[in-house]
């Protein structure tokens, strides 16, 4: 049966989700705050609204009458989802999950206080004075993040008291939404970070993808690889944590659950109720289904009997260096010369410094050293340059 899906947030992750949905014969309305967003380019219909405007959100829901609403970003008036759910609209994964996971306060308190899952020591702050107090309680160094943000926006590390004022300013300017609060986290000394993509099904068991390692800069993912090196004990602990928190939130779909692997064990970091940026490595065929295909199938209630590792792989991002309107790309011919690799240009209508504009994926047979595949992916990504249109003519 064809479902009408409304996608809220139409970036590169949403674009791949739309492609997966169209391959399964579905109808998609893509929504974002600016025209020409990547997912709009492949959807059946699109709308441009401020998704924090509850009345505007209600209006497009009434206009299109979707069967399913799939959030892709944080900056949404998610409280409206409870009314949508009462109207019989399926919210992905659920209205409760969307509300909790779009707010770092709610999801962190659920994990640490309600479920007893191990997290970093943390405090909240709604003013500069409260931030100073929180830093004193948590200790230095520490990490400051807006309660509503993604891809590292508004995040900074405080190494000394002299950094506090600037951290507050960055969070206020670059955080998404309108909460005005930040979370202050003790800095975890970790060996590595992983994303455990977790799939909850409408009528089936919870499944886990092979763990994905990733590296960040400025709080944003730069490269990822699958499978990550992790002990059997650590993966079991991470799976138990992921299962516990996704069960508490309910609903069906793919979740990106992030963990720190510290010297003394696994520490829960964050949770996204949708495909994760580090999971773009699965576009290289590392699994029998990409994370986008898994999300789509789970949302539609199609059974997923298993998730299998098919290849070892890595991804590396293509970043913009400058602010550009109508960007173009050079070096595609050079990037195309590499074996066992591919790349995606997202099609964003504008660029700014450090904005993610594309991704490279590389792969090899299972058992290949992922460090070698990472090097290849990073090298290919360095060949692709984001430029202004005159430079490409």
Protein backbone atom coordinates (compact mmCIF):
# COMPACT_ATOMS: atom_id res chain seq x y z
CA UNK A 1 0.00 0.00 0.00
CA UNK A 2 1.26 3.48 -0.87
CA UNK A 3 1.70 5.73 2.16
CA UNK A 4 1.98 9.50 2.09
CA UNK A 5 5.10 10.38 4.08
CA UNK A 6 5.86 13.91 5.30
CA UNK A 7 9.58 14.42 5.88
CA UNK A 8 10.38 17.28 8.28
CA UNK A 9 13.91 18.37 7.48
CA UNK A 10 15.28 17.82 3.99
CA UNK A 11 19.06 17.63 4.24
CA UNK A 12 21.37 14.96 2.89
CA UNK A 13 20.13 12.29 5.29
CA UNK A 14 16.56 13.07 4.32
CA UNK A 15 17.49 12.87 0.64
CA UNK A 16 18.74 9.31 0.99
CA UNK A 17 15.63 8.41 2.97
CA UNK A 18 13.41 9.78 0.20
CA UNK A 19 15.31 7.76 -2.39
CA UNK A 20 14.76 4.63 -0.29
CA UNK A 21 11.06 5.43 0.12
CA UNK A 22 10.57 6.05 -3.61
CA UNK A 23 12.23 2.72 -4.39
CA UNK A 24 9.52 1.14 -2.25
CA UNK A 25 6.78 2.98 -4.13
CA UNK A 26 5.90 5.60 -1.51
CA UNK A 27 4.76 9.26 -1.89
CA UNK A 28 6.91 11.84 -0.08
CA UNK A 29 6.39 15.50 0.83
CA UNK A 30 9.73 17.09 1.82
CA UNK A 31 9.68 20.08 4.19
CA UNK A 32 12.44 22.47 5.21
CA UNK A 33 13.08 26.12 6.03
CA UNK A 34 14.69 26.92 2.66
CA UNK A 35 13.87 26.05 -0.96
CA UNK A 36 15.98 23.65 -2.98
CA UNK A 37 17.00 21.52 0.01
CA UNK A 38 18.54 18.16 -1.01
CA UNK A 39 15.52 15.97 -0.20
CA UNK A 40 13.18 18.33 -2.05
CA UNK A 41 15.06 17.53 -5.24
CA UNK A 42 13.87 13.89 -5.20
CA UNK A 43 10.51 14.14 -3.39
CA UNK A 44 7.03 14.24 -4.96
CA UNK A 45 6.08 17.54 -3.29
CA UNK A 46 7.80 20.08 -1.07
CA UNK A 47 6.93 22.84 1.41
CA UNK A 48 9.04 25.68 2.82
CA UNK A 49 8.10 26.70 6.37
CA UNK A 50 9.61 27.51 9.76
CA UNK A 51 9.07 24.16 11.48
CA UNK A 52 9.29 25.81 14.91
CA UNK A 53 6.07 27.64 14.02
CA UNK A 54 3.40 25.31 15.36
CA UNK A 55 0.60 26.90 13.36
CA UNK A 56 2.55 26.60 10.11
CA UNK A 57 3.26 22.97 10.92
CA UNK A 58 -0.42 22.31 11.62
CA UNK A 59 -1.36 23.97 8.33
CA UNK A 60 0.80 21.76 6.11
CA UNK A 61 -0.30 18.64 7.96
CA UNK A 62 -3.91 19.62 7.31
CA UNK A 63 -3.09 20.42 3.68
CA UNK A 64 -1.31 17.16 2.84
CA UNK A 65 -2.90 14.79 5.39
CA UNK A 66 0.10 12.46 5.63
CA UNK A 67 -0.10 8.90 6.88
CA UNK A 68 3.39 9.12 8.38
CA UNK A 69 5.51 12.03 9.67
CA UNK A 70 9.28 11.46 9.68
CA UNK A 71 11.38 14.10 11.53
CA UNK A 72 14.93 14.54 10.23
CA UNK A 73 16.13 17.52 12.30
CA UNK A 74 15.78 18.94 15.83
CA UNK A 75 14.31 22.37 15.06
CA UNK A 76 10.66 21.29 14.98
CA UNK A 77 7.72 22.18 17.24
CA UNK A 78 7.52 18.54 18.27
CA UNK A 79 4.79 19.11 20.86
CA UNK A 80 2.37 19.21 17.90
CA UNK A 81 3.13 15.55 17.25
CA UNK A 82 0.95 14.41 20.14
CA UNK A 83 -2.11 15.90 18.46
CA UNK A 84 -1.06 14.36 15.13
CA UNK A 85 -0.75 10.97 16.79
CA UNK A 86 -4.27 11.32 18.23
CA UNK A 87 -5.50 11.99 14.68
CA UNK A 88 -4.13 8.61 13.63
CA UNK A 89 -0.93 9.87 11.97
CA UNK A 90 2.12 7.67 12.58
CA UNK A 91 4.96 9.71 14.10
CA UNK A 92 8.44 8.25 13.63
CA UNK A 93 9.49 6.64 15.84
CA UNK A 94 6.72 8.00 18.13
CA UNK A 95 5.54 11.39 19.43
CA UNK A 96 7.17 10.62 22.79
CA UNK A 97 10.45 9.67 21.15
CA UNK A 98 10.50 12.74 18.92
CA UNK A 99 9.91 15.06 21.87
CA UNK A 100 12.48 13.42 24.13
CA UNK A 101 15.26 13.08 21.59
CA UNK A 102 14.96 16.56 20.12
CA UNK A 103 15.86 17.93 23.58
CA UNK A 104 19.16 16.96 25.21
CA UNK A 105 17.71 17.61 28.68
CA UNK A 106 14.89 15.12 28.25
CA UNK A 107 16.95 12.33 26.72
CA UNK A 108 19.87 12.73 29.14
CA UNK A 109 17.61 12.72 32.20
CA UNK A 110 15.73 9.70 30.86
CA UNK A 111 18.96 7.77 30.35
CA UNK A 112 20.82 8.80 33.50
CA UNK A 113 18.04 9.25 36.06
CA UNK A 114 15.14 7.08 34.94
CA UNK A 115 16.98 4.17 33.31
CA UNK A 116 20.23 4.23 35.28
CA UNK A 117 22.42 4.22 32.17
CA UNK A 118 25.99 5.44 32.62
CA UNK A 119 26.60 8.94 31.21
CA UNK A 120 29.12 11.73 31.74
CA UNK A 121 28.56 13.95 34.77
CA UNK A 122 26.42 16.87 33.60
CA UNK A 123 24.59 20.07 34.56
CA UNK A 124 22.27 22.54 32.80
CA UNK A 125 22.57 26.30 32.47
CA UNK A 126 20.14 28.96 31.23
CA UNK A 127 22.39 32.01 31.74
CA UNK A 128 26.06 32.92 31.74
CA UNK A 129 26.12 32.93 35.56
CA UNK A 130 24.54 29.48 35.66
CA UNK A 131 27.10 28.28 33.12
CA UNK A 132 29.95 29.46 35.34
CA UNK A 133 28.43 27.62 38.29
CA UNK A 134 27.89 24.46 36.23
CA UNK A 135 31.50 24.48 35.00
CA UNK A 136 32.72 24.79 38.59
CA UNK A 137 30.61 21.76 39.59
CA UNK A 138 31.45 19.56 36.61
CA UNK A 139 35.11 20.54 36.46
CA UNK A 140 37.58 21.32 33.67
CA UNK A 141 37.85 20.45 30.88
CA UNK A 142 34.18 20.16 29.96
CA UNK A 143 31.96 20.31 26.89
CA UNK A 144 29.10 22.80 26.35
CA UNK A 145 26.24 22.05 23.93
CA UNK A 146 22.93 23.80 23.25
CA UNK A 147 19.99 21.67 24.37
CA UNK A 148 18.76 21.69 20.77
CA UNK A 149 21.37 21.34 18.03
CA UNK A 150 22.97 18.82 15.68
CA UNK A 151 26.21 18.23 13.78
CA UNK A 152 28.21 20.02 16.46
CA UNK A 153 26.46 23.37 16.00
CA UNK A 154 27.02 25.59 19.02
CA UNK A 155 29.29 23.07 20.73
CA UNK A 156 32.61 23.99 22.33
CA UNK A 157 35.18 22.70 24.81
CA UNK A 158 35.98 24.77 27.89
CA UNK A 159 39.58 24.22 28.93
CA UNK A 160 39.90 27.17 31.32
CA UNK A 161 37.63 29.77 32.96
CA UNK A 162 38.68 32.22 30.25
CA UNK A 163 36.74 30.13 27.69
CA UNK A 164 33.37 30.33 29.45
CA UNK A 165 32.09 33.63 28.00
CA UNK A 166 32.93 32.59 24.44
CA UNK A 167 31.32 29.16 24.91
CA UNK A 168 28.07 30.81 26.04
CA UNK A 169 28.14 33.13 23.05
CA UNK A 170 28.74 30.29 20.59
CA UNK A 171 25.91 28.21 22.05
CA UNK A 172 23.50 31.15 21.93
CA UNK A 173 24.35 32.03 18.33
CA UNK A 174 24.53 28.59 16.75
CA UNK A 175 22.10 26.41 18.68
CA UNK A 176 18.88 25.40 16.96
CA UNK A 177 15.45 26.12 18.36
CA UNK A 178 14.57 28.59 21.07
CA UNK A 179 15.29 26.90 24.40
CA UNK A 180 18.26 29.15 25.29
CA UNK A 181 19.71 26.48 27.59
CA UNK A 182 22.90 24.46 27.41
CA UNK A 183 24.12 21.18 28.83
CA UNK A 184 27.57 21.09 30.43
CA UNK A 185 29.25 17.68 30.35
CA UNK A 186 32.41 16.47 32.03
CA UNK A 187 35.04 15.63 29.44
CA UNK A 188 35.30 11.86 29.04
CA UNK A 189 38.78 10.43 28.43
CA UNK A 190 37.84 7.88 25.82
CA UNK A 191 39.68 5.41 23.61
CA UNK A 192 37.21 5.84 20.78
CA UNK A 193 33.63 6.74 19.92
CA UNK A 194 31.09 4.51 18.22
CA UNK A 195 27.62 4.77 16.75
CA UNK A 196 25.43 1.73 17.26
CA UNK A 197 22.65 1.91 14.68
CA UNK A 198 19.65 0.27 16.32
CA UNK A 199 16.47 -0.77 14.51
CA UNK A 200 13.17 -1.16 16.35
CA UNK A 201 10.40 -2.89 14.41
CA UNK A 202 6.61 -2.77 14.57
CA UNK A 203 6.33 -6.56 14.72
CA UNK A 204 9.81 -7.96 15.12
CA UNK A 205 12.91 -8.02 17.32
CA UNK A 206 15.22 -5.06 17.86
CA UNK A 207 18.25 -5.40 15.57
CA UNK A 208 21.73 -3.89 15.79
CA UNK A 209 24.07 -2.94 12.96
CA UNK A 210 27.80 -3.71 13.21
CA UNK A 211 29.34 -0.86 15.26
CA UNK A 212 30.57 2.23 13.44
CA UNK A 213 33.65 4.12 14.56
CA UNK A 214 33.88 7.84 13.89
CA UNK A 215 36.10 10.88 14.27
CA UNK A 216 34.83 14.39 14.95
CA UNK A 217 36.16 17.92 14.63
CA UNK A 218 34.35 20.99 15.96
CA UNK A 219 31.76 18.56 17.28
CA UNK A 220 30.90 17.36 13.77
CA UNK A 221 31.64 14.03 12.11
CA UNK A 222 34.53 13.99 9.63
CA UNK A 223 34.94 10.30 8.90
CA UNK A 224 33.44 6.99 9.94
CA UNK A 225 34.26 3.32 9.46
CA UNK A 226 32.54 -0.01 9.83
CA UNK A 227 33.12 -2.32 11.59
CA UNK A 228 34.71 -0.55 14.54
CA UNK A 229 37.15 -2.41 16.78
CA UNK A 230 35.27 -3.19 19.99
CA UNK A 231 35.37 -6.04 22.47
CA UNK A 232 32.50 -8.51 22.79
CA UNK A 233 31.84 -7.24 26.31
CA UNK A 234 31.67 -3.63 25.18
CA UNK A 235 29.33 -4.37 22.29
CA UNK A 236 27.05 -6.36 24.59
CA UNK A 237 26.91 -3.47 27.08
CA UNK A 238 26.23 -0.94 24.31
CA UNK A 239 23.43 -3.11 22.90
CA UNK A 240 21.82 -3.45 26.32
CA UNK A 241 21.92 0.33 26.81
CA UNK A 242 20.55 1.02 23.32
CA UNK A 243 17.78 -1.53 23.78
CA UNK A 244 16.80 -0.08 27.15
CA UNK A 245 16.51 3.52 25.98
CA UNK A 246 14.76 2.76 22.67
CA UNK A 247 12.23 0.54 24.45
CA UNK A 248 11.49 3.37 26.88
CA UNK A 249 10.80 5.76 24.01
CA UNK A 250 8.83 3.35 21.83
CA UNK A 251 8.01 3.23 18.14
CA UNK A 252 9.60 1.82 15.02
CA UNK A 253 12.56 3.11 13.03
CA UNK A 254 16.33 3.37 13.01
CA UNK A 255 18.13 5.12 15.86
CA UNK A 256 21.68 6.44 15.97
CA UNK A 257 22.95 5.70 19.49
CA UNK A 258 26.36 7.16 20.32
CA UNK A 259 28.77 5.85 22.95
CA UNK A 260 32.20 6.67 24.34
CA UNK A 261 34.49 3.70 24.88
CA UNK A 262 36.44 4.73 27.98
CA UNK A 263 39.22 2.81 29.69
CA UNK A 264 36.77 1.71 32.38
CA UNK A 265 33.79 0.86 30.18
CA UNK A 266 31.02 2.09 27.90
CA UNK A 267 29.44 5.53 28.41
CA UNK A 268 26.18 6.60 26.75
CA UNK A 269 26.55 9.90 24.86
CA UNK A 270 23.58 10.81 22.63
CA UNK A 271 20.63 9.41 20.75
CA UNK A 272 19.07 10.38 17.40
CA UNK A 273 15.72 8.84 16.35
CA UNK A 274 16.65 8.70 12.68
CA UNK A 275 19.55 7.86 10.33
CA UNK A 276 22.84 9.16 11.65
CA UNK A 277 25.47 11.14 9.74
CA UNK A 278 28.19 8.63 10.68
CA UNK A 279 25.96 5.92 9.18
CA UNK A 280 26.55 7.27 5.69
CA UNK A 281 29.34 4.70 5.56
CA UNK A 282 26.56 2.16 4.88
CA UNK A 283 26.06 3.79 1.46
CA UNK A 284 29.19 1.87 0.50
CA UNK A 285 27.40 -1.47 0.77
CA UNK A 286 28.89 -2.39 4.12
CA UNK A 287 25.56 -3.93 5.14
CA UNK A 288 22.82 -5.85 3.34
CA UNK A 289 20.66 -2.70 3.82
CA UNK A 290 21.88 0.88 4.20
CA UNK A 291 20.75 2.78 7.29
CA UNK A 292 18.24 4.66 5.10
CA UNK A 293 16.73 1.47 3.73
CA UNK A 294 16.49 0.07 7.25
CA UNK A 295 14.76 3.20 8.53
CA UNK A 296 12.28 3.19 5.65
CA UNK A 297 11.45 -0.50 6.01
CA UNK A 298 10.99 -0.21 9.77
CA UNK A 299 8.78 2.88 9.36
CA UNK A 300 6.58 1.11 6.81
CA UNK A 301 6.31 -2.00 8.97
CA UNK A 302 8.13 -4.21 6.48
CA UNK A 303 9.88 -7.10 8.27
CA UNK A 304 13.67 -7.00 8.50
CA UNK A 305 14.83 -10.56 9.20
CA UNK A 306 18.52 -9.73 9.73
CA UNK A 307 21.29 -7.17 9.32
CA UNK A 308 24.56 -8.57 7.99
CA UNK A 309 28.04 -7.14 7.45
CA UNK A 310 28.89 -7.47 3.75
CA UNK A 311 32.02 -5.31 3.41
CA UNK A 312 34.45 -3.30 5.49
CA UNK A 313 34.07 0.38 4.64
CA UNK A 314 34.80 3.99 5.48
CA UNK A 315 33.34 7.42 4.75
CA UNK A 316 34.91 10.89 4.63
CA UNK A 317 33.11 14.21 4.28
CA UNK A 318 33.57 16.88 1.61
CA UNK A 319 33.51 20.29 3.29
CA UNK A 320 33.18 23.83 1.98
CA UNK A 321 35.96 26.30 2.76
CA UNK A 322 34.01 29.51 2.12
CA UNK A 323 30.54 31.00 1.97
CA UNK A 324 29.22 30.43 -1.54
CA UNK A 325 25.95 30.80 -3.39
CA UNK A 326 25.15 28.21 -6.06
CA UNK A 327 28.34 26.17 -5.46
CA UNK A 328 29.91 23.83 -8.00
CA UNK A 329 32.51 21.08 -7.69
CA UNK A 330 35.90 20.33 -9.20
CA UNK A 331 38.05 17.23 -8.92
CA UNK A 332 35.25 14.77 -9.68
CA UNK A 333 37.28 13.18 -12.47
CA UNK A 334 40.22 12.65 -10.12
CA UNK A 335 37.94 11.20 -7.43
CA UNK A 336 36.40 8.82 -9.97
CA UNK A 337 39.73 7.15 -10.74
CA UNK A 338 39.86 5.27 -7.43
CA UNK A 339 38.71 1.66 -7.23
CA UNK A 340 36.17 0.36 -4.70
CA UNK A 341 34.84 3.80 -3.94
CA UNK A 342 32.03 6.21 -4.70
CA UNK A 343 30.93 9.71 -3.74
CA UNK A 344 27.73 11.69 -3.27
CA UNK A 345 27.30 15.41 -3.85
CA UNK A 346 24.37 16.50 -1.70
CA UNK A 347 23.11 19.33 -3.93
CA UNK A 348 22.86 22.03 -1.25
CA UNK A 349 22.01 25.39 -2.86
CA UNK A 350 24.57 27.31 -0.79
CA UNK A 351 27.75 26.71 1.17
CA UNK A 352 29.48 28.12 4.22
CA UNK A 353 32.75 27.33 5.92
CA UNK A 354 32.82 23.74 7.19
CA UNK A 355 29.37 22.95 5.78
CA UNK A 356 29.09 19.31 4.73
CA UNK A 357 28.54 19.28 0.95
CA UNK A 358 29.28 15.69 0.01
CA UNK A 359 30.59 12.37 1.22
CA UNK A 360 33.01 9.75 -0.09
CA UNK A 361 32.58 6.05 0.65
CA UNK A 362 35.23 3.39 0.13
CA UNK A 363 35.17 -0.34 0.82
CA UNK A 364 36.96 -3.67 0.66
CA UNK A 365 36.33 -7.24 1.70
CA UNK A 366 35.48 -8.07 5.31
CA UNK A 367 38.66 -8.44 7.32
CA UNK A 368 40.53 -5.65 5.53
CA UNK A 369 42.22 -3.18 7.88
CA UNK A 370 39.73 -0.29 8.08
CA UNK A 371 42.62 2.15 8.59
CA UNK A 372 43.69 1.49 5.00
CA UNK A 373 40.14 2.07 3.74
CA UNK A 374 39.89 5.26 5.82
CA UNK A 375 43.06 6.59 4.22
CA UNK A 376 41.64 5.95 0.76
CA UNK A 377 38.32 7.62 1.55
CA UNK A 378 40.05 10.68 3.03
CA UNK A 379 42.40 10.95 0.05
CA UNK A 380 39.50 10.82 -2.40
CA UNK A 381 37.57 13.46 -0.43
CA UNK A 382 40.58 15.78 -0.61
CA UNK A 383 40.36 15.71 -4.43
CA UNK A 384 36.85 17.21 -4.48
CA UNK A 385 36.74 20.99 -4.08
CA UNK A 386 33.69 23.15 -3.44
CA UNK A 387 33.94 26.34 -5.48
CA UNK A 388 31.95 29.30 -6.75
CA UNK A 389 30.36 28.85 -10.15
CA UNK A 390 32.83 31.00 -12.15
CA UNK A 391 35.67 28.71 -11.05
CA UNK A 392 33.95 25.69 -12.61
CA UNK A 393 32.94 27.27 -15.91
